[in-house]
Amino acid sequence: MPRVGIIYAQHVDIRIGIANTARELSFESAQTPAEVEKIVADALSSDAKFLSLTDDKGKVYVVPIAALAYVEIGEGETRRVGFVA
């Protein structure tokens, strides 16, 4: 008899505002809100020139710190992913 299970995948919504730009970057990440906040805080408090974040599909977003207007970190919805084994 096949086993059926459910995996809960949590995603975090990230929105990044860039100075002098009408659009914002918006994507989902598999990282926790605390991990994203630490990455942003570390980049801002160091001599880093860029903030680098990765989305849940592996794309890397690199934003110059000087152009960073804001970073919004929100809880994404938990998604149920079913499987049969």
C-alpha atoms as a PDB file:
ATOM      1  CA  MET A   1       0.000   0.000   0.000  1.00  0.00           C
ATOM      2  CA  PRO A   2       1.489   3.407  -0.943  1.00  0.00           C
ATOM      3  CA  ARG A   3       2.253   5.861   1.821  1.00  0.00           C
ATOM      4  CA  VAL A   4       0.762   9.310   1.570  1.00  0.00           C
ATOM      5  CA  GLY A   5       2.286  12.268   3.372  1.00  0.00           C
ATOM      6  CA  ILE A   6       2.149  16.007   3.502  1.00  0.00           C
ATOM      7  CA  ILE A   7       5.137  18.319   3.618  1.00  0.00           C
ATOM      8  CA  TYR A   8       4.607  21.878   4.792  1.00  0.00           C
ATOM      9  CA  ALA A   9       6.765  24.368   2.899  1.00  0.00           C
ATOM     10  CA  GLN A  10       7.133  27.804   4.509  1.00  0.00           C
ATOM     11  CA  HIS A  11       8.075  30.808   2.411  1.00  0.00           C
ATOM     12  CA  VAL A  12       8.907  34.370   3.377  1.00  0.00           C
ATOM     13  CA  ASP A  13       7.748  37.291   1.246  1.00  0.00           C
ATOM     14  CA  ILE A  14      10.488  39.883   0.661  1.00  0.00           C
ATOM     15  CA  ARG A  15      10.000  43.319  -0.894  1.00  0.00           C
ATOM     16  CA  ILE A  16      12.969  45.590  -1.522  1.00  0.00           C
ATOM     17  CA  GLY A  17      12.552  49.257  -2.349  1.00  0.00           C
ATOM     18  CA  ILE A  18      15.257  50.882  -4.424  1.00  0.00           C
ATOM     19  CA  ALA A  19      15.856  54.640  -4.231  1.00  0.00           C
ATOM     20  CA  ASN A  20      14.788  56.690  -7.279  1.00  0.00           C
ATOM     21  CA  THR A  21      12.981  53.693  -8.776  1.00  0.00           C
ATOM     22  CA  ALA A  22       9.210  53.371  -9.071  1.00  0.00           C
ATOM     23  CA  ARG A  23       9.244  49.586  -8.914  1.00  0.00           C
ATOM     24  CA  GLU A  24      10.312  47.323  -6.104  1.00  0.00           C
ATOM     25  CA  LEU A  25      11.815  43.855  -6.067  1.00  0.00           C
ATOM     26  CA  SER A  26       9.357  41.294  -4.750  1.00  0.00           C
ATOM     27  CA  PHE A  27      10.080  37.594  -4.290  1.00  0.00           C
ATOM     28  CA  GLU A  28       9.699  34.633  -1.943  1.00  0.00           C
ATOM     29  CA  SER A  29      12.520  33.009  -0.030  1.00  0.00           C
ATOM     30  CA  ALA A  30      12.780  29.671   1.749  1.00  0.00           C
ATOM     31  CA  GLN A  31      14.766  31.366   4.536  1.00  0.00           C
ATOM     32  CA  THR A  32      13.171  32.339   7.832  1.00  0.00           C
ATOM     33  CA  PRO A  33      12.322  35.987   8.558  1.00  0.00           C
ATOM     34  CA  ALA A  34      15.071  36.014  11.219  1.00  0.00           C
ATOM     35  CA  GLU A  35      17.672  34.780   8.703  1.00  0.00           C
ATOM     36  CA  VAL A  36      16.696  37.440   6.160  1.00  0.00           C
ATOM     37  CA  GLU A  37      16.717  40.157   8.813  1.00  0.00           C
ATOM     38  CA  LYS A  38      20.211  39.089   9.928  1.00  0.00           C
ATOM     39  CA  ILE A  39      21.541  39.150   6.358  1.00  0.00           C
ATOM     40  CA  VAL A  40      20.137  42.662   5.845  1.00  0.00           C
ATOM     41  CA  ALA A  41      21.374  43.939   9.227  1.00  0.00           C
ATOM     42  CA  ASP A  42      24.853  42.477   8.671  1.00  0.00           C
ATOM     43  CA  ALA A  43      25.095  44.077   5.224  1.00  0.00           C
ATOM     44  CA  LEU A  44      23.988  47.467   6.560  1.00  0.00           C
ATOM     45  CA  SER A  45      26.304  47.433   9.581  1.00  0.00           C
ATOM     46  CA  SER A  46      29.388  46.315   7.665  1.00  0.00           C
ATOM     47  CA  ASP A  47      31.345  47.941   4.871  1.00  0.00           C
ATOM     48  CA  ALA A  48      29.466  45.836   2.317  1.00  0.00           C
ATOM     49  CA  LYS A  49      28.642  47.521  -0.962  1.00  0.00           C
ATOM     50  CA  PHE A  50      25.815  45.127  -1.866  1.00  0.00           C
ATOM     51  CA  LEU A  51      22.930  43.244  -0.274  1.00  0.00           C
ATOM     52  CA  SER A  52      22.543  39.768  -1.712  1.00  0.00           C
ATOM     53  CA  LEU A  53      19.453  37.571  -1.176  1.00  0.00           C
ATOM     54  CA  THR A  54      18.331  34.339  -2.827  1.00  0.00           C
ATOM     55  CA  ASP A  55      14.754  33.431  -3.700  1.00  0.00           C
ATOM     56  CA  ASP A  56      13.128  30.022  -3.270  1.00  0.00           C
ATOM     57  CA  LYS A  57      14.001  29.060  -6.865  1.00  0.00           C
ATOM     58  CA  GLY A  58      17.706  29.846  -6.550  1.00  0.00           C
ATOM     59  CA  LYS A  59      17.772  33.286  -8.215  1.00  0.00           C
ATOM     60  CA  VAL A  60      20.151  35.728  -6.568  1.00  0.00           C
ATOM     61  CA  TYR A  61      19.157  39.381  -6.130  1.00  0.00           C
ATOM     62  CA  VAL A  62      22.009  41.863  -5.606  1.00  0.00           C
ATOM     63  CA  VAL A  63      21.143  45.436  -4.613  1.00  0.00           C
ATOM     64  CA  PRO A  64      23.664  48.224  -3.961  1.00  0.00           C
ATOM     65  CA  ILE A  65      23.464  49.284  -0.301  1.00  0.00           C
ATOM     66  CA  ALA A  66      23.589  52.955  -1.352  1.00  0.00           C
ATOM     67  CA  ALA A  67      20.363  52.511  -3.371  1.00  0.00           C
ATOM     68  CA  LEU A  68      18.490  50.571  -0.682  1.00  0.00           C
ATOM     69  CA  ALA A  69      15.327  52.408   0.408  1.00  0.00           C
ATOM     70  CA  TYR A  70      13.685  49.650   2.494  1.00  0.00           C
ATOM     71  CA  VAL A  71      13.414  45.897   2.969  1.00  0.00           C
ATOM     72  CA  GLU A  72      10.042  44.464   3.938  1.00  0.00           C
ATOM     73  CA  ILE A  73      10.044  40.942   5.353  1.00  0.00           C
ATOM     74  CA  GLY A  74       6.663  39.250   5.699  1.00  0.00           C
ATOM     75  CA  GLU A  75       5.444  35.834   6.620  1.00  0.00           C
ATOM     76  CA  GLY A  76       4.403  33.940   3.541  1.00  0.00           C
ATOM     77  CA  GLU A  77       1.635  31.416   3.675  1.00  0.00           C
ATOM     78  CA  THR A  78       2.422  27.819   4.534  1.00  0.00           C
ATOM     79  CA  ARG A  79       1.824  25.582   1.553  1.00  0.00           C
ATOM     80  CA  ARG A  80       0.871  21.945   1.757  1.00  0.00           C
ATOM     81  CA  VAL A  81       2.647  19.709  -0.681  1.00  0.00           C
ATOM     82  CA  GLY A  82       1.344  16.145  -0.904  1.00  0.00           C
ATOM     83  CA  PHE A  83       3.178  13.101  -2.162  1.00  0.00           C
ATOM     84  CA  VAL A  84       2.702   9.364  -2.598  1.00  0.00           C
ATOM     85  CA  ALA A  85       5.550   7.001  -1.836  1.00  0.00           C
END
